Amino acid sequence: MSMKCQLTGKTFLNGNNVSHAKNRTKRRFLPNIHNITFFSEILKKSIQLKVCTNALRTVEKKGGLDGYLLNTSNTKLPSTAIKLKKQILSISN
């Protein structure tokens, strides 16, 4: 399973485990990814995405998947979200 959010592009971060003796070993900080099924009211179908919990809260705040994608600029969206946004824009216009 790819550890990357399909709505925000959030991925893992690198860092160190630091012991009491200050020994450092490499580790990865993974995002909290869940498989979520969203329903698009404009497309009239359900869409399954791998989404981090932060993006899930933002989607709920913006009023659903359609509202989130339409109100977010393309520079902040990964390629999968841009494709969905283009589909929504083509149907809504």
PDB file of N, CA and C in Angstrom:
ATOM      1  N   MET A   1       0.847  -1.180   0.000  1.00  0.00           N
ATOM      2  CA  MET A   1       0.000   0.000   0.000  1.00  0.00           C
ATOM      3  C   MET A   1       0.887   1.235   0.000  1.00  0.00           C
ATOM      4  N   SER A   2       0.641   2.117  -0.942  1.00  0.00           N
ATOM      5  CA  SER A   2       1.410   3.344  -1.028  1.00  0.00           C
ATOM      6  C   SER A   2       1.021   4.268   0.116  1.00  0.00           C
ATOM      7  N   MET A   3       2.014   4.762   0.828  1.00  0.00           N
ATOM      8  CA  MET A   3       1.751   5.639   1.968  1.00  0.00           C
ATOM      9  C   MET A   3       1.747   7.095   1.511  1.00  0.00           C
ATOM     10  N   LYS A   4       0.801   7.426   0.626  1.00  0.00           N
ATOM     11  CA  LYS A   4       0.686   8.779   0.120  1.00  0.00           C
ATOM     12  C   LYS A   4      -0.787   9.141   0.024  1.00  0.00           C
ATOM     13  N   CYS A   5      -1.135  10.311   0.520  1.00  0.00           N
ATOM     14  CA  CYS A   5      -2.514  10.784   0.459  1.00  0.00           C
ATOM     15  C   CYS A   5      -2.831  11.203  -0.969  1.00  0.00           C
ATOM     16  N   GLN A   6      -3.969  10.749  -1.498  1.00  0.00           N
ATOM     17  CA  GLN A   6      -4.341  11.055  -2.867  1.00  0.00           C
ATOM     18  C   GLN A   6      -5.032  12.402  -3.008  1.00  0.00           C
ATOM     19  N   LEU A   7      -5.319  13.084  -1.903  1.00  0.00           N
ATOM     20  CA  LEU A   7      -5.924  14.416  -1.985  1.00  0.00           C
ATOM     21  C   LEU A   7      -4.943  15.533  -1.658  1.00  0.00           C
ATOM     22  N   THR A   8      -4.017  15.284  -0.756  1.00  0.00           N
ATOM     23  CA  THR A   8      -3.071  16.337  -0.377  1.00  0.00           C
ATOM     24  C   THR A   8      -1.654  16.058  -0.835  1.00  0.00           C
ATOM     25  N   GLY A   9      -1.341  14.803  -1.145  1.00  0.00           N
ATOM     26  CA  GLY A   9       0.019  14.452  -1.530  1.00  0.00           C
ATOM     27  C   GLY A   9       0.940  14.240  -0.350  1.00  0.00           C
ATOM     28  N   LYS A  10       0.386  14.241   0.858  1.00  0.00           N
ATOM     29  CA  LYS A  10       1.195  14.040   2.063  1.00  0.00           C
ATOM     30  C   LYS A  10       1.812  12.651   2.046  1.00  0.00           C
ATOM     31  N   THR A  11       3.102  12.569   2.329  1.00  0.00           N
ATOM     32  CA  THR A  11       3.822  11.306   2.305  1.00  0.00           C
ATOM     33  C   THR A  11       4.678  11.204   3.573  1.00  0.00           C
ATOM     34  N   PHE A  12       5.538  10.200   3.629  1.00  0.00           N
ATOM     35  CA  PHE A  12       6.309   9.958   4.842  1.00  0.00           C
ATOM     36  C   PHE A  12       7.409  11.011   5.023  1.00  0.00           C
ATOM     37  N   LEU A  13       7.882  11.138   6.265  1.00  0.00           N
ATOM     38  CA  LEU A  13       9.015  11.992   6.600  1.00  0.00           C
ATOM     39  C   LEU A  13      10.116  11.117   7.190  1.00  0.00           C
ATOM     40  N   ASN A  14      11.363  11.508   6.998  1.00  0.00           N
ATOM     41  CA  ASN A  14      12.492  10.788   7.574  1.00  0.00           C
ATOM     42  C   ASN A  14      12.946  11.464   8.848  1.00  0.00           C
ATOM     43  N   GLY A  15      13.450  10.660   9.777  1.00  0.00           N
ATOM     44  CA  GLY A  15      13.947  11.206  11.030  1.00  0.00           C
ATOM     45  C   GLY A  15      14.800  10.190  11.748  1.00  0.00           C
ATOM     46  N   ASN A  16      14.988  10.423  13.022  1.00  0.00           N
ATOM     47  CA  ASN A  16      15.825   9.555  13.837  1.00  0.00           C
ATOM     48  C   ASN A  16      15.084   9.107  15.080  1.00  0.00           C
ATOM     49  N   ASN A  17      15.316   7.842  15.476  1.00  0.00           N
ATOM     50  CA  ASN A  17      14.999   7.398  16.828  1.00  0.00           C
ATOM     51  C   ASN A  17      16.177   7.811  17.692  1.00  0.00           C
ATOM     52  N   VAL A  18      15.927   8.437  18.814  1.00  0.00           N
ATOM     53  CA  VAL A  18      17.007   8.872  19.695  1.00  0.00           C
ATOM     54  C   VAL A  18      16.845   8.143  21.025  1.00  0.00           C
ATOM     55  N   SER A  19      17.841   7.338  21.380  1.00  0.00           N
ATOM     56  CA  SER A  19      17.784   6.577  22.621  1.00  0.00           C
ATOM     57  C   SER A  19      18.193   7.478  23.796  1.00  0.00           C
ATOM     58  N   HIS A  20      18.091   6.910  24.986  1.00  0.00           N
ATOM     59  CA  HIS A  20      18.483   7.652  26.186  1.00  0.00           C
ATOM     60  C   HIS A  20      19.970   8.009  26.146  1.00  0.00           C
ATOM     61  N   ALA A  21      20.764   7.157  25.516  1.00  0.00           N
ATOM     62  CA  ALA A  21      22.199   7.409  25.390  1.00  0.00           C
ATOM     63  C   ALA A  21      22.521   8.275  24.158  1.00  0.00           C
ATOM     64  N   LYS A  22      21.479   8.822  23.545  1.00  0.00           N
ATOM     65  CA  LYS A  22      21.594   9.702  22.366  1.00  0.00           C
ATOM     66  C   LYS A  22      22.152   8.993  21.141  1.00  0.00           C
ATOM     67  N   ASN A  23      21.964   7.664  21.062  1.00  0.00           N
ATOM     68  CA  ASN A  23      22.283   6.948  19.828  1.00  0.00           C
ATOM     69  C   ASN A  23      21.157   7.203  18.837  1.00  0.00           C
ATOM     70  N   ARG A  24      21.512   7.453  17.587  1.00  0.00           N
ATOM     71  CA  ARG A  24      20.512   7.765  16.577  1.00  0.00           C
ATOM     72  C   ARG A  24      20.426   6.657  15.527  1.00  0.00           C
ATOM     73  N   THR A  25      19.210   6.213  15.259  1.00  0.00           N
ATOM     74  CA  THR A  25      18.958   5.263  14.180  1.00  0.00           C
ATOM     75  C   THR A  25      17.865   5.842  13.295  1.00  0.00           C
ATOM     76  N   LYS A  26      17.947   5.564  11.997  1.00  0.00           N
ATOM     77  CA  LYS A  26      16.989   6.112  11.037  1.00  0.00           C
ATOM     78  C   LYS A  26      15.602   5.506  11.235  1.00  0.00           C
ATOM     79  N   ARG A  27      14.581   6.301  10.972  1.00  0.00           N
ATOM     80  CA  ARG A  27      13.201   5.837  11.023  1.00  0.00           C
ATOM     81  C   ARG A  27      12.362   6.657  10.065  1.00  0.00           C
ATOM     82  N   ARG A  28      11.149   6.201   9.815  1.00  0.00           N
ATOM     83  CA  ARG A  28      10.214   6.908   8.946  1.00  0.00           C
ATOM     84  C   ARG A  28       8.973   7.260   9.748  1.00  0.00           C
ATOM     85  N   PHE A  29       8.494   8.483   9.585  1.00  0.00           N
ATOM     86  CA  PHE A  29       7.242   8.922  10.178  1.00  0.00           C
ATOM     87  C   PHE A  29       6.175   8.776   9.099  1.00  0.00           C
ATOM     88  N   LEU A  30       5.254   7.815   9.275  1.00  0.00           N
ATOM     89  CA  LEU A  30       4.248   7.526   8.263  1.00  0.00           C
ATOM     90  C   LEU A  30       2.980   8.334   8.511  1.00  0.00           C
ATOM     91  N   PRO A  31       2.313   8.801   7.455  1.00  0.00           N
ATOM     92  CA  PRO A  31       1.040   9.502   7.627  1.00  0.00           C
ATOM     93  C   PRO A  31      -0.063   8.515   7.994  1.00  0.00           C
ATOM     94  N   ASN A  32      -1.105   9.027   8.601  1.00  0.00           N
ATOM     95  CA  ASN A  32      -2.236   8.204   9.034  1.00  0.00           C
ATOM     96  C   ASN A  32      -3.195   8.051   7.847  1.00  0.00           C
ATOM     97  N   ILE A  33      -2.968   7.028   7.021  1.00  0.00           N
ATOM     98  CA  ILE A  33      -3.701   6.826   5.773  1.00  0.00           C
ATOM     99  C   ILE A  33      -4.843   5.833   5.976  1.00  0.00           C
ATOM    100  N   HIS A  34      -6.021   6.161   5.416  1.00  0.00           N
ATOM    101  CA  HIS A  34      -7.189   5.282   5.461  1.00  0.00           C
ATOM    102  C   HIS A  34      -7.802   5.183   4.072  1.00  0.00           C
ATOM    103  N   ASN A  35      -8.393   4.040   3.765  1.00  0.00           N
ATOM    104  CA  ASN A  35      -9.170   3.889   2.537  1.00  0.00           C
ATOM    105  C   ASN A  35     -10.570   4.403   2.816  1.00  0.00           C
ATOM    106  N   ILE A  36     -10.954   5.482   2.148  1.00  0.00           N
ATOM    107  CA  ILE A  36     -12.234   6.137   2.387  1.00  0.00           C
ATOM    108  C   ILE A  36     -13.017   6.171   1.075  1.00  0.00           C
ATOM    109  N   THR A  37     -14.304   5.916   1.142  1.00  0.00           N
ATOM    110  CA  THR A  37     -15.175   6.033  -0.021  1.00  0.00           C
ATOM    111  C   THR A  37     -15.954   7.335   0.092  1.00  0.00           C
ATOM    112  N   PHE A  38     -15.744   8.226  -0.864  1.00  0.00           N
ATOM    113  CA  PHE A  38     -16.458   9.493  -0.932  1.00  0.00           C
ATOM    114  C   PHE A  38     -17.554   9.376  -1.979  1.00  0.00           C
ATOM    115  N   PHE A  39     -18.629  10.145  -1.811  1.00  0.00           N
ATOM    116  CA  PHE A  39     -19.669  10.207  -2.828  1.00  0.00           C
ATOM    117  C   PHE A  39     -19.646  11.586  -3.448  1.00  0.00           C
ATOM    118  N   SER A  40     -19.460  11.632  -4.763  1.00  0.00           N
ATOM    119  CA  SER A  40     -19.469  12.883  -5.496  1.00  0.00           C
ATOM    120  C   SER A  40     -20.889  13.147  -5.979  1.00  0.00           C
ATOM    121  N   GLU A  41     -21.469  14.270  -5.541  1.00  0.00           N
ATOM    122  CA  GLU A  41     -22.835  14.598  -5.926  1.00  0.00           C
ATOM    123  C   GLU A  41     -22.904  15.058  -7.375  1.00  0.00           C
ATOM    124  N   ILE A  42     -21.842  15.667  -7.873  1.00  0.00           N
ATOM    125  CA  ILE A  42     -21.833  16.133  -9.259  1.00  0.00           C
ATOM    126  C   ILE A  42     -21.648  14.962 -10.214  1.00  0.00           C
ATOM    127  N   LEU A  43     -20.700  14.061  -9.903  1.00  0.00           N
ATOM    128  CA  LEU A  43     -20.470  12.894 -10.756  1.00  0.00           C
ATOM    129  C   LEU A  43     -21.499  11.791 -10.532  1.00  0.00           C
ATOM    130  N   LYS A  44     -22.212  11.858  -9.417  1.00  0.00           N
ATOM    131  CA  LYS A  44     -23.217  10.867  -9.024  1.00  0.00           C
ATOM    132  C   LYS A  44     -22.640   9.455  -8.945  1.00  0.00           C
ATOM    133  N   LYS A  45     -21.462   9.339  -8.345  1.00  0.00           N
ATOM    134  CA  LYS A  45     -20.861   8.027  -8.120  1.00  0.00           C
ATOM    135  C   LYS A  45     -19.956   8.103  -6.897  1.00  0.00           C
ATOM    136  N   SER A  46     -19.639   6.933  -6.352  1.00  0.00           N
ATOM    137  CA  SER A  46     -18.742   6.881  -5.205  1.00  0.00           C
ATOM    138  C   SER A  46     -17.314   6.663  -5.688  1.00  0.00           C
ATOM    139  N   ILE A  47     -16.369   7.285  -4.987  1.00  0.00           N
ATOM    140  CA  ILE A  47     -14.959   7.246  -5.355  1.00  0.00           C
ATOM    141  C   ILE A  47     -14.168   6.812  -4.138  1.00  0.00           C
ATOM    142  N   GLN A  48     -13.347   5.769  -4.299  1.00  0.00           N
ATOM    143  CA  GLN A  48     -12.534   5.274  -3.195  1.00  0.00           C
ATOM    144  C   GLN A  48     -11.127   5.838  -3.319  1.00  0.00           C
ATOM    145  N   LEU A  49     -10.650   6.489  -2.240  1.00  0.00           N
ATOM    146  CA  LEU A  49      -9.334   7.125  -2.214  1.00  0.00           C
ATOM    147  C   LEU A  49      -8.598   6.751  -0.937  1.00  0.00           C
ATOM    148  N   LYS A  50      -7.263   6.807  -1.006  1.00  0.00           N
ATOM    149  CA  LYS A  50      -6.417   6.675   0.185  1.00  0.00           C
ATOM    150  C   LYS A  50      -6.157   8.089   0.692  1.00  0.00           C
ATOM    151  N   VAL A  51      -6.675   8.384   1.880  1.00  0.00           N
ATOM    152  CA  VAL A  51      -6.677   9.754   2.383  1.00  0.00           C
ATOM    153  C   VAL A  51      -6.137   9.786   3.800  1.00  0.00           C
ATOM    154  N   CYS A  52      -5.328  10.818   4.118  1.00  0.00           N
ATOM    155  CA  CYS A  52      -4.864  11.007   5.491  1.00  0.00           C
ATOM    156  C   CYS A  52      -5.991  11.654   6.302  1.00  0.00           C
ATOM    157  N   THR A  53      -5.918  11.528   7.605  1.00  0.00           N
ATOM    158  CA  THR A  53      -6.994  12.011   8.460  1.00  0.00           C
ATOM    159  C   THR A  53      -7.109  13.530   8.401  1.00  0.00           C
ATOM    160  N   ASN A  54      -6.005  14.226   8.198  1.00  0.00           N
ATOM    161  CA  ASN A  54      -6.050  15.674   8.084  1.00  0.00           C
ATOM    162  C   ASN A  54      -6.868  16.088   6.865  1.00  0.00           C
ATOM    163  N   ALA A  55      -6.683  15.409   5.739  1.00  0.00           N
ATOM    164  CA  ALA A  55      -7.447  15.710   4.527  1.00  0.00           C
ATOM    165  C   ALA A  55      -8.917  15.350   4.714  1.00  0.00           C
ATOM    166  N   LEU A  56      -9.194  14.274   5.434  1.00  0.00           N
ATOM    167  CA  LEU A  56     -10.565  13.864   5.684  1.00  0.00           C
ATOM    168  C   LEU A  56     -11.319  14.945   6.461  1.00  0.00           C
ATOM    169  N   ARG A  57     -10.678  15.521   7.463  1.00  0.00           N
ATOM    170  CA  ARG A  57     -11.297  16.606   8.237  1.00  0.00           C
ATOM    171  C   ARG A  57     -11.548  17.830   7.358  1.00  0.00           C
ATOM    172  N   THR A  58     -10.606  18.124   6.463  1.00  0.00           N
ATOM    173  CA  THR A  58     -10.757  19.274   5.585  1.00  0.00           C
ATOM    174  C   THR A  58     -11.887  19.062   4.585  1.00  0.00           C
ATOM    175  N   VAL A  59     -12.011  17.847   4.060  1.00  0.00           N
ATOM    176  CA  VAL A  59     -13.096  17.544   3.117  1.00  0.00           C
ATOM    177  C   VAL A  59     -14.450  17.716   3.802  1.00  0.00           C
ATOM    178  N   GLU A  60     -14.569  17.246   5.027  1.00  0.00           N
ATOM    179  CA  GLU A  60     -15.820  17.407   5.766  1.00  0.00           C
ATOM    180  C   GLU A  60     -16.118  18.876   6.025  1.00  0.00           C
ATOM    181  N   LYS A  61     -15.098  19.656   6.310  1.00  0.00           N
ATOM    182  CA  LYS A  61     -15.278  21.083   6.569  1.00  0.00           C
ATOM    183  C   LYS A  61     -15.734  21.826   5.319  1.00  0.00           C
ATOM    184  N   LYS A  62     -15.202  21.446   4.157  1.00  0.00           N
ATOM    185  CA  LYS A  62     -15.523  22.132   2.900  1.00  0.00           C
ATOM    186  C   LYS A  62     -16.847  21.678   2.304  1.00  0.00           C
ATOM    187  N   GLY A  63     -17.504  20.693   2.900  1.00  0.00           N
ATOM    188  CA  GLY A  63     -18.809  20.271   2.423  1.00  0.00           C
ATOM    189  C   GLY A  63     -18.784  19.124   1.447  1.00  0.00           C
ATOM    190  N   GLY A  64     -17.822  18.246   1.547  1.00  0.00           N
ATOM    191  CA  GLY A  64     -17.769  17.074   0.685  1.00  0.00           C
ATOM    192  C   GLY A  64     -16.621  17.139  -0.300  1.00  0.00           C
ATOM    193  N   LEU A  65     -16.471  16.065  -1.059  1.00  0.00           N
ATOM    194  CA  LEU A  65     -15.366  15.940  -2.004  1.00  0.00           C
ATOM    195  C   LEU A  65     -15.442  16.999  -3.098  1.00  0.00           C
ATOM    196  N   ASP A  66     -16.637  17.267  -3.609  1.00  0.00           N
ATOM    197  CA  ASP A  66     -16.783  18.247  -4.679  1.00  0.00           C
ATOM    198  C   ASP A  66     -16.377  19.644  -4.211  1.00  0.00           C
ATOM    199  N   GLY A  67     -16.830  20.030  -3.040  1.00  0.00           N
ATOM    200  CA  GLY A  67     -16.483  21.347  -2.508  1.00  0.00           C
ATOM    201  C   GLY A  67     -15.000  21.494  -2.239  1.00  0.00           C
ATOM    202  N   TYR A  68     -14.390  20.427  -1.740  1.00  0.00           N
ATOM    203  CA  TYR A  68     -12.948  20.472  -1.466  1.00  0.00           C
ATOM    204  C   TYR A  68     -12.152  20.652  -2.748  1.00  0.00           C
ATOM    205  N   LEU A  69     -12.462  19.846  -3.777  1.00  0.00           N
ATOM    206  CA  LEU A  69     -11.695  19.907  -5.015  1.00  0.00           C
ATOM    207  C   LEU A  69     -11.904  21.227  -5.754  1.00  0.00           C
ATOM    208  N   LEU A  70     -13.124  21.751  -5.747  1.00  0.00           N
ATOM    209  CA  LEU A  70     -13.392  22.997  -6.464  1.00  0.00           C
ATOM    210  C   LEU A  70     -12.778  24.212  -5.782  1.00  0.00           C
ATOM    211  N   ASN A  71     -12.603  24.158  -4.467  1.00  0.00           N
ATOM    212  CA  ASN A  71     -12.073  25.307  -3.735  1.00  0.00           C
ATOM    213  C   ASN A  71     -10.567  25.252  -3.514  1.00  0.00           C
ATOM    214  N   THR A  72      -9.902  24.177  -3.945  1.00  0.00           N
ATOM    215  CA  THR A  72      -8.461  24.032  -3.757  1.00  0.00           C
ATOM    216  C   THR A  72      -7.756  24.270  -5.086  1.00  0.00           C
ATOM    217  N   SER A  73      -6.659  25.036  -5.048  1.00  0.00           N
ATOM    218  CA  SER A  73      -5.927  25.323  -6.285  1.00  0.00           C
ATOM    219  C   SER A  73      -5.193  24.082  -6.783  1.00  0.00           C
ATOM    220  N   ASN A  74      -4.946  24.035  -8.090  1.00  0.00           N
ATOM    221  CA  ASN A  74      -4.298  22.873  -8.697  1.00  0.00           C
ATOM    222  C   ASN A  74      -2.862  22.698  -8.221  1.00  0.00           C
ATOM    223  N   THR A  75      -2.212  23.763  -7.779  1.00  0.00           N
ATOM    224  CA  THR A  75      -0.828  23.657  -7.324  1.00  0.00           C
ATOM    225  C   THR A  75      -0.721  22.861  -6.030  1.00  0.00           C
ATOM    226  N   LYS A  76      -1.798  22.797  -5.248  1.00  0.00           N
ATOM    227  CA  LYS A  76      -1.780  22.073  -3.980  1.00  0.00           C
ATOM    228  C   LYS A  76      -2.307  20.645  -4.101  1.00  0.00           C
ATOM    229  N   LEU A  77      -2.794  20.263  -5.284  1.00  0.00           N
ATOM    230  CA  LEU A  77      -3.380  18.937  -5.470  1.00  0.00           C
ATOM    231  C   LEU A  77      -2.438  18.009  -6.223  1.00  0.00           C
ATOM    232  N   PRO A  78      -2.391  16.722  -5.856  1.00  0.00           N
ATOM    233  CA  PRO A  78      -1.624  15.748  -6.652  1.00  0.00           C
ATOM    234  C   PRO A  78      -2.380  15.391  -7.932  1.00  0.00           C
ATOM    235  N   SER A  79      -1.758  14.599  -8.780  1.00  0.00           N
ATOM    236  CA  SER A  79      -2.306  14.329 -10.111  1.00  0.00           C
ATOM    237  C   SER A  79      -3.654  13.604 -10.066  1.00  0.00           C
ATOM    238  N   THR A  80      -3.840  12.684  -9.125  1.00  0.00           N
ATOM    239  CA  THR A  80      -5.114  11.958  -9.065  1.00  0.00           C
ATOM    240  C   THR A  80      -6.270  12.900  -8.721  1.00  0.00           C
ATOM    241  N   ALA A  81      -6.018  13.852  -7.833  1.00  0.00           N
ATOM    242  CA  ALA A  81      -7.060  14.801  -7.451  1.00  0.00           C
ATOM    243  C   ALA A  81      -7.343  15.784  -8.583  1.00  0.00           C
ATOM    244  N   ILE A  82      -6.326  16.152  -9.359  1.00  0.00           N
ATOM    245  CA  ILE A  82      -6.530  17.065 -10.486  1.00  0.00           C
ATOM    246  C   ILE A  82      -7.400  16.403 -11.555  1.00  0.00           C
ATOM    247  N   LYS A  83      -7.202  15.106 -11.788  1.00  0.00           N
ATOM    248  CA  LYS A  83      -8.031  14.385 -12.755  1.00  0.00           C
ATOM    249  C   LYS A  83      -9.496  14.372 -12.316  1.00  0.00           C
ATOM    250  N   LEU A  84      -9.731  14.131 -11.016  1.00  0.00           N
ATOM    251  CA  LEU A  84     -11.100  14.164 -10.501  1.00  0.00           C
ATOM    252  C   LEU A  84     -11.703  15.556 -10.636  1.00  0.00           C
ATOM    253  N   LYS A  85     -10.904  16.584 -10.353  1.00  0.00           N
ATOM    254  CA  LYS A  85     -11.380  17.958 -10.442  1.00  0.00           C
ATOM    255  C   LYS A  85     -11.774  18.306 -11.880  1.00  0.00           C
ATOM    256  N   LYS A  86     -10.994  17.844 -12.864  1.00  0.00           N
ATOM    257  CA  LYS A  86     -11.320  18.102 -14.272  1.00  0.00           C
ATOM    258  C   LYS A  86     -12.622  17.424 -14.658  1.00  0.00           C
ATOM    259  N   GLN A  87     -12.859  16.206 -14.160  1.00  0.00           N
ATOM    260  CA  GLN A  87     -14.116  15.524 -14.443  1.00  0.00           C
ATOM    261  C   GLN A  87     -15.299  16.291 -13.854  1.00  0.00           C
ATOM    262  N   ILE A  88     -15.127  16.777 -12.634  1.00  0.00           N
ATOM    263  CA  ILE A  88     -16.202  17.523 -11.973  1.00  0.00           C
ATOM    264  C   ILE A  88     -16.476  18.834 -12.703  1.00  0.00           C
ATOM    265  N   LEU A  89     -15.425  19.528 -13.120  1.00  0.00           N
ATOM    266  CA  LEU A  89     -15.595  20.800 -13.832  1.00  0.00           C
ATOM    267  C   LEU A  89     -16.257  20.584 -15.198  1.00  0.00           C
ATOM    268  N   SER A  90     -15.923  19.495 -15.882  1.00  0.00           N
ATOM    269  CA  SER A  90     -16.506  19.268 -17.197  1.00  0.00           C
ATOM    270  C   SER A  90     -18.013  18.982 -17.106  1.00  0.00           C
ATOM    271  N   ILE A  91     -18.438  18.322 -16.042  1.00  0.00           N
ATOM    272  CA  ILE A  91     -19.860  18.017 -15.879  1.00  0.00           C
ATOM    273  C   ILE A  91     -20.622  19.217 -15.334  1.00  0.00           C
ATOM    274  N   SER A  92     -20.011  19.961 -14.403  1.00  0.00           N
ATOM    275  CA  SER A  92     -20.729  21.076 -13.783  1.00  0.00           C
ATOM    276  C   SER A  92     -20.901  22.270 -14.715  1.00  0.00           C
ATOM    277  N   ASN A  93     -20.048  22.415 -15.745  1.00  0.00           N
ATOM    278  CA  ASN A  93     -20.173  23.550 -16.673  1.00  0.00           C
ATOM    279  C   ASN A  93     -21.063  23.256 -17.803  1.00  0.00           C
TER     280      ASN A  93
END
